[in-house]
Amino acid sequence: MAQLKITQVRSRIGTKQNHRETLRSLGLRRINDVVVKEDRPEIRGMAKTVRHLVSVEEVD
């Protein structure tokens, strides 16, 4: 199954509480943190919520 590589590229300081909680649930704590998650609709939805704070790449 395909996977997504999610990298936090911007700080969460000054963002909405919802966005901070989404980053935490993805496992991202600081700038340049990287997590690899399975490509599922739930994960894509979370990444879309914080798309201005992260970059997403598909990994095989």
PDB file of N, CA and C in Angstrom:
ATOM      1  N   MET A   1       0.847  -1.189   0.000  1.00  0.00           N
ATOM      2  CA  MET A   1       0.000   0.000   0.000  1.00  0.00           C
ATOM      3  C   MET A   1       0.884   1.242   0.000  1.00  0.00           C
ATOM      4  N   ALA A   2       0.438   2.271  -0.672  1.00  0.00           N
ATOM      5  CA  ALA A   2       1.194   3.521  -0.751  1.00  0.00           C
ATOM      6  C   ALA A   2       1.245   4.202   0.608  1.00  0.00           C
ATOM      7  N   GLN A   3       2.262   5.014   0.781  1.00  0.00           N
ATOM      8  CA  GLN A   3       2.423   5.742   2.028  1.00  0.00           C
ATOM      9  C   GLN A   3       2.632   7.217   1.735  1.00  0.00           C
ATOM     10  N   LEU A   4       2.373   8.036   2.748  1.00  0.00           N
ATOM     11  CA  LEU A   4       2.554   9.478   2.640  1.00  0.00           C
ATOM     12  C   LEU A   4       3.659   9.917   3.579  1.00  0.00           C
ATOM     13  N   LYS A   5       4.576  10.720   3.068  1.00  0.00           N
ATOM     14  CA  LYS A   5       5.630  11.311   3.884  1.00  0.00           C
ATOM     15  C   LYS A   5       5.202  12.741   4.170  1.00  0.00           C
ATOM     16  N   ILE A   6       4.944  13.034   5.445  1.00  0.00           N
ATOM     17  CA  ILE A   6       4.428  14.340   5.845  1.00  0.00           C
ATOM     18  C   ILE A   6       5.509  15.052   6.648  1.00  0.00           C
ATOM     19  N   THR A   7       5.874  16.254   6.205  1.00  0.00           N
ATOM     20  CA  THR A   7       6.919  17.048   6.844  1.00  0.00           C
ATOM     21  C   THR A   7       6.331  18.370   7.311  1.00  0.00           C
ATOM     22  N   GLN A   8       6.584  18.729   8.567  1.00  0.00           N
ATOM     23  CA  GLN A   8       6.127  20.026   9.052  1.00  0.00           C
ATOM     24  C   GLN A   8       7.116  21.082   8.593  1.00  0.00           C
ATOM     25  N   VAL A   9       6.630  22.086   7.887  1.00  0.00           N
ATOM     26  CA  VAL A   9       7.507  23.113   7.325  1.00  0.00           C
ATOM     27  C   VAL A   9       7.295  24.491   7.947  1.00  0.00           C
ATOM     28  N   ARG A  10       6.214  24.678   8.676  1.00  0.00           N
ATOM     29  CA  ARG A  10       5.951  25.954   9.338  1.00  0.00           C
ATOM     30  C   ARG A  10       5.570  25.716  10.782  1.00  0.00           C
ATOM     31  N   SER A  11       5.772  26.730  11.603  1.00  0.00           N
ATOM     32  CA  SER A  11       5.496  26.640  13.026  1.00  0.00           C
ATOM     33  C   SER A  11       3.995  26.622  13.299  1.00  0.00           C
ATOM     34  N   ARG A  12       3.623  25.995  14.401  1.00  0.00           N
ATOM     35  CA  ARG A  12       2.216  25.980  14.802  1.00  0.00           C
ATOM     36  C   ARG A  12       1.861  27.151  15.704  1.00  0.00           C
ATOM     37  N   ILE A  13       2.846  27.980  16.045  1.00  0.00           N
ATOM     38  CA  ILE A  13       2.593  29.136  16.902  1.00  0.00           C
ATOM     39  C   ILE A  13       1.626  30.081  16.191  1.00  0.00           C
ATOM     40  N   GLY A  14       0.583  30.485  16.898  1.00  0.00           N
ATOM     41  CA  GLY A  14      -0.389  31.416  16.341  1.00  0.00           C
ATOM     42  C   GLY A  14      -1.468  30.772  15.500  1.00  0.00           C
ATOM     43  N   THR A  15      -1.469  29.433  15.410  1.00  0.00           N
ATOM     44  CA  THR A  15      -2.496  28.760  14.621  1.00  0.00           C
ATOM     45  C   THR A  15      -3.688  28.409  15.501  1.00  0.00           C
ATOM     46  N   LYS A  16      -4.748  27.955  14.882  1.00  0.00           N
ATOM     47  CA  LYS A  16      -5.946  27.573  15.615  1.00  0.00           C
ATOM     48  C   LYS A  16      -5.687  26.316  16.444  1.00  0.00           C
ATOM     49  N   GLN A  17      -6.442  26.168  17.515  1.00  0.00           N
ATOM     50  CA  GLN A  17      -6.319  24.994  18.384  1.00  0.00           C
ATOM     51  C   GLN A  17      -6.537  23.704  17.594  1.00  0.00           C
ATOM     52  N   ASN A  18      -7.486  23.722  16.678  1.00  0.00           N
ATOM     53  CA  ASN A  18      -7.776  22.560  15.849  1.00  0.00           C
ATOM     54  C   ASN A  18      -6.548  22.138  15.040  1.00  0.00           C
ATOM     55  N   HIS A  19      -5.817  23.096  14.510  1.00  0.00           N
ATOM     56  CA  HIS A  19      -4.634  22.795  13.710  1.00  0.00           C
ATOM     57  C   HIS A  19      -3.513  22.250  14.576  1.00  0.00           C
ATOM     58  N   ARG A  20      -3.347  22.798  15.778  1.00  0.00           N
ATOM     59  CA  ARG A  20      -2.321  22.286  16.694  1.00  0.00           C
ATOM     60  C   ARG A  20      -2.609  20.845  17.084  1.00  0.00           C
ATOM     61  N   GLU A  21      -3.874  20.539  17.337  1.00  0.00           N
ATOM     62  CA  GLU A  21      -4.251  19.172  17.700  1.00  0.00           C
ATOM     63  C   GLU A  21      -4.071  18.218  16.529  1.00  0.00           C
ATOM     64  N   THR A  22      -4.335  18.674  15.328  1.00  0.00           N
ATOM     65  CA  THR A  22      -4.154  17.838  14.143  1.00  0.00           C
ATOM     66  C   THR A  22      -2.682  17.506  13.939  1.00  0.00           C
ATOM     67  N   LEU A  23      -1.805  18.488  14.097  1.00  0.00           N
ATOM     68  CA  LEU A  23      -0.368  18.227  13.980  1.00  0.00           C
ATOM     69  C   LEU A  23       0.077  17.210  15.026  1.00  0.00           C
ATOM     70  N   ARG A  24      -0.430  17.355  16.236  1.00  0.00           N
ATOM     71  CA  ARG A  24      -0.052  16.430  17.313  1.00  0.00           C
ATOM     72  C   ARG A  24      -0.534  15.016  17.002  1.00  0.00           C
ATOM     73  N   SER A  25      -1.729  14.879  16.473  1.00  0.00           N
ATOM     74  CA  SER A  25      -2.258  13.552  16.168  1.00  0.00           C
ATOM     75  C   SER A  25      -1.518  12.911  14.991  1.00  0.00           C
ATOM     76  N   LEU A  26      -0.951  13.742  14.118  1.00  0.00           N
ATOM     77  CA  LEU A  26      -0.118  13.204  13.041  1.00  0.00           C
ATOM     78  C   LEU A  26       1.265  12.801  13.547  1.00  0.00           C
ATOM     79  N   GLY A  27       1.636  13.273  14.734  1.00  0.00           N
ATOM     80  CA  GLY A  27       2.938  12.942  15.301  1.00  0.00           C
ATOM     81  C   GLY A  27       3.995  13.985  15.017  1.00  0.00           C
ATOM     82  N   LEU A  28       3.573  15.179  14.634  1.00  0.00           N
ATOM     83  CA  LEU A  28       4.511  16.257  14.321  1.00  0.00           C
ATOM     84  C   LEU A  28       4.606  17.215  15.497  1.00  0.00           C
ATOM     85  N   ARG A  29       5.829  17.477  15.942  1.00  0.00           N
ATOM     86  CA  ARG A  29       6.023  18.331  17.106  1.00  0.00           C
ATOM     87  C   ARG A  29       6.757  19.619  16.790  1.00  0.00           C
ATOM     88  N   ARG A  30       7.679  19.590  15.838  1.00  0.00           N
ATOM     89  CA  ARG A  30       8.475  20.775  15.539  1.00  0.00           C
ATOM     90  C   ARG A  30       8.759  20.851  14.049  1.00  0.00           C
ATOM     91  N   ILE A  31       9.279  21.987  13.626  1.00  0.00           N
ATOM     92  CA  ILE A  31       9.600  22.191  12.214  1.00  0.00           C
ATOM     93  C   ILE A  31      10.636  21.152  11.781  1.00  0.00           C
ATOM     94  N   ASN A  32      10.450  20.649  10.576  1.00  0.00           N
ATOM     95  CA  ASN A  32      11.298  19.621   9.944  1.00  0.00           C
ATOM     96  C   ASN A  32      11.086  18.218  10.512  1.00  0.00           C
ATOM     97  N   ASP A  33      10.108  18.013  11.382  1.00  0.00           N
ATOM     98  CA  ASP A  33       9.735  16.658  11.791  1.00  0.00           C
ATOM     99  C   ASP A  33       9.098  15.962  10.595  1.00  0.00           C
ATOM    100  N   VAL A  34       9.402  14.669  10.444  1.00  0.00           N
ATOM    101  CA  VAL A  34       8.878  13.889   9.320  1.00  0.00           C
ATOM    102  C   VAL A  34       8.214  12.635   9.873  1.00  0.00           C
ATOM    103  N   VAL A  35       7.039  12.315   9.362  1.00  0.00           N
ATOM    104  CA  VAL A  35       6.366  11.056   9.688  1.00  0.00           C
ATOM    105  C   VAL A  35       5.941  10.397   8.381  1.00  0.00           C
ATOM    106  N   VAL A  36       5.908   9.080   8.395  1.00  0.00           N
ATOM    107  CA  VAL A  36       5.427   8.318   7.245  1.00  0.00           C
ATOM    108  C   VAL A  36       4.180   7.567   7.696  1.00  0.00           C
ATOM    109  N   LYS A  37       3.072   7.849   7.048  1.00  0.00           N
ATOM    110  CA  LYS A  37       1.785   7.251   7.399  1.00  0.00           C
ATOM    111  C   LYS A  37       1.220   6.527   6.186  1.00  0.00           C
ATOM    112  N   GLU A  38       0.334   5.561   6.439  1.00  0.00           N
ATOM    113  CA  GLU A  38      -0.355   4.887   5.341  1.00  0.00           C
ATOM    114  C   GLU A  38      -1.283   5.874   4.638  1.00  0.00           C
ATOM    115  N   ASP A  39      -1.420   5.692   3.340  1.00  0.00           N
ATOM    116  CA  ASP A  39      -2.273   6.568   2.541  1.00  0.00           C
ATOM    117  C   ASP A  39      -3.720   6.147   2.723  1.00  0.00           C
ATOM    118  N   ARG A  40      -4.387   6.787   3.695  1.00  0.00           N
ATOM    119  CA  ARG A  40      -5.790   6.520   3.981  1.00  0.00           C
ATOM    120  C   ARG A  40      -6.557   7.827   3.944  1.00  0.00           C
ATOM    121  N   PRO A  41      -7.852   7.761   3.739  1.00  0.00           N
ATOM    122  CA  PRO A  41      -8.652   9.000   3.676  1.00  0.00           C
ATOM    123  C   PRO A  41      -8.551   9.836   4.954  1.00  0.00           C
ATOM    124  N   GLU A  42      -8.436   9.193   6.120  1.00  0.00           N
ATOM    125  CA  GLU A  42      -8.353   9.937   7.381  1.00  0.00           C
ATOM    126  C   GLU A  42      -7.074  10.756   7.437  1.00  0.00           C
ATOM    127  N   ILE A  43      -5.974  10.153   7.026  1.00  0.00           N
ATOM    128  CA  ILE A  43      -4.681  10.832   7.059  1.00  0.00           C
ATOM    129  C   ILE A  43      -4.656  11.954   6.026  1.00  0.00           C
ATOM    130  N   ARG A  44      -5.203  11.695   4.838  1.00  0.00           N
ATOM    131  CA  ARG A  44      -5.262  12.742   3.814  1.00  0.00           C
ATOM    132  C   ARG A  44      -6.108  13.926   4.293  1.00  0.00           C
ATOM    133  N   GLY A  45      -7.183  13.646   5.002  1.00  0.00           N
ATOM    134  CA  GLY A  45      -8.022  14.718   5.536  1.00  0.00           C
ATOM    135  C   GLY A  45      -7.296  15.556   6.566  1.00  0.00           C
ATOM    136  N   MET A  46      -6.524  14.895   7.442  1.00  0.00           N
ATOM    137  CA  MET A  46      -5.753  15.635   8.439  1.00  0.00           C
ATOM    138  C   MET A  46      -4.688  16.490   7.760  1.00  0.00           C
ATOM    139  N   ALA A  47      -4.029  15.934   6.746  1.00  0.00           N
ATOM    140  CA  ALA A  47      -2.997  16.679   6.027  1.00  0.00           C
ATOM    141  C   ALA A  47      -3.619  17.871   5.292  1.00  0.00           C
ATOM    142  N   LYS A  48      -4.829  17.693   4.789  1.00  0.00           N
ATOM    143  CA  LYS A  48      -5.498  18.795   4.096  1.00  0.00           C
ATOM    144  C   LYS A  48      -5.874  19.913   5.066  1.00  0.00           C
ATOM    145  N   THR A  49      -6.228  19.550   6.292  1.00  0.00           N
ATOM    146  CA  THR A  49      -6.587  20.541   7.296  1.00  0.00           C
ATOM    147  C   THR A  49      -5.418  21.469   7.600  1.00  0.00           C
ATOM    148  N   VAL A  50      -4.211  20.920   7.643  1.00  0.00           N
ATOM    149  CA  VAL A  50      -3.032  21.723   7.988  1.00  0.00           C
ATOM    150  C   VAL A  50      -2.104  21.883   6.786  1.00  0.00           C
ATOM    151  N   ARG A  51      -2.673  21.930   5.584  1.00  0.00           N
ATOM    152  CA  ARG A  51      -1.863  21.961   4.365  1.00  0.00           C
ATOM    153  C   ARG A  51      -0.950  23.172   4.282  1.00  0.00           C
ATOM    154  N   HIS A  52      -1.269  24.247   5.000  1.00  0.00           N
ATOM    155  CA  HIS A  52      -0.420  25.439   4.993  1.00  0.00           C
ATOM    156  C   HIS A  52       0.779  25.291   5.940  1.00  0.00           C
ATOM    157  N   LEU A  53       0.798  24.231   6.755  1.00  0.00           N
ATOM    158  CA  LEU A  53       1.885  24.006   7.708  1.00  0.00           C
ATOM    159  C   LEU A  53       2.775  22.826   7.343  1.00  0.00           C
ATOM    160  N   VAL A  54       2.333  21.981   6.412  1.00  0.00           N
ATOM    161  CA  VAL A  54       3.066  20.758   6.104  1.00  0.00           C
ATOM    162  C   VAL A  54       3.273  20.618   4.600  1.00  0.00           C
ATOM    163  N   SER A  55       4.203  19.724   4.238  1.00  0.00           N
ATOM    164  CA  SER A  55       4.325  19.303   2.847  1.00  0.00           C
ATOM    165  C   SER A  55       4.098  17.797   2.819  1.00  0.00           C
ATOM    166  N   VAL A  56       3.452  17.325   1.774  1.00  0.00           N
ATOM    167  CA  VAL A  56       3.080  15.918   1.667  1.00  0.00           C
ATOM    168  C   VAL A  56       3.649  15.337   0.387  1.00  0.00           C
ATOM    169  N   GLU A  57       4.299  14.160   0.505  1.00  0.00           N
ATOM    170  CA  GLU A  57       4.837  13.465  -0.657  1.00  0.00           C
ATOM    171  C   GLU A  57       4.365  12.023  -0.605  1.00  0.00           C
ATOM    172  N   GLU A  58       4.131  11.432  -1.771  1.00  0.00           N
ATOM    173  CA  GLU A  58       3.787  10.014  -1.832  1.00  0.00           C
ATOM    174  C   GLU A  58       5.063   9.194  -1.890  1.00  0.00           C
ATOM    175  N   VAL A  59       5.101   8.116  -1.108  1.00  0.00           N
ATOM    176  CA  VAL A  59       6.254   7.220  -1.059  1.00  0.00           C
ATOM    177  C   VAL A  59       5.764   5.819  -1.365  1.00  0.00           C
ATOM    178  N   ASP A  60       6.528   5.068  -2.141  1.00  0.00           N
ATOM    179  CA  ASP A  60       6.127   3.682  -2.446  1.00  0.00           C
ATOM    180  C   ASP A  60       6.707   2.705  -1.448  1.00  0.00           C
TER     181      ASP A  60
END
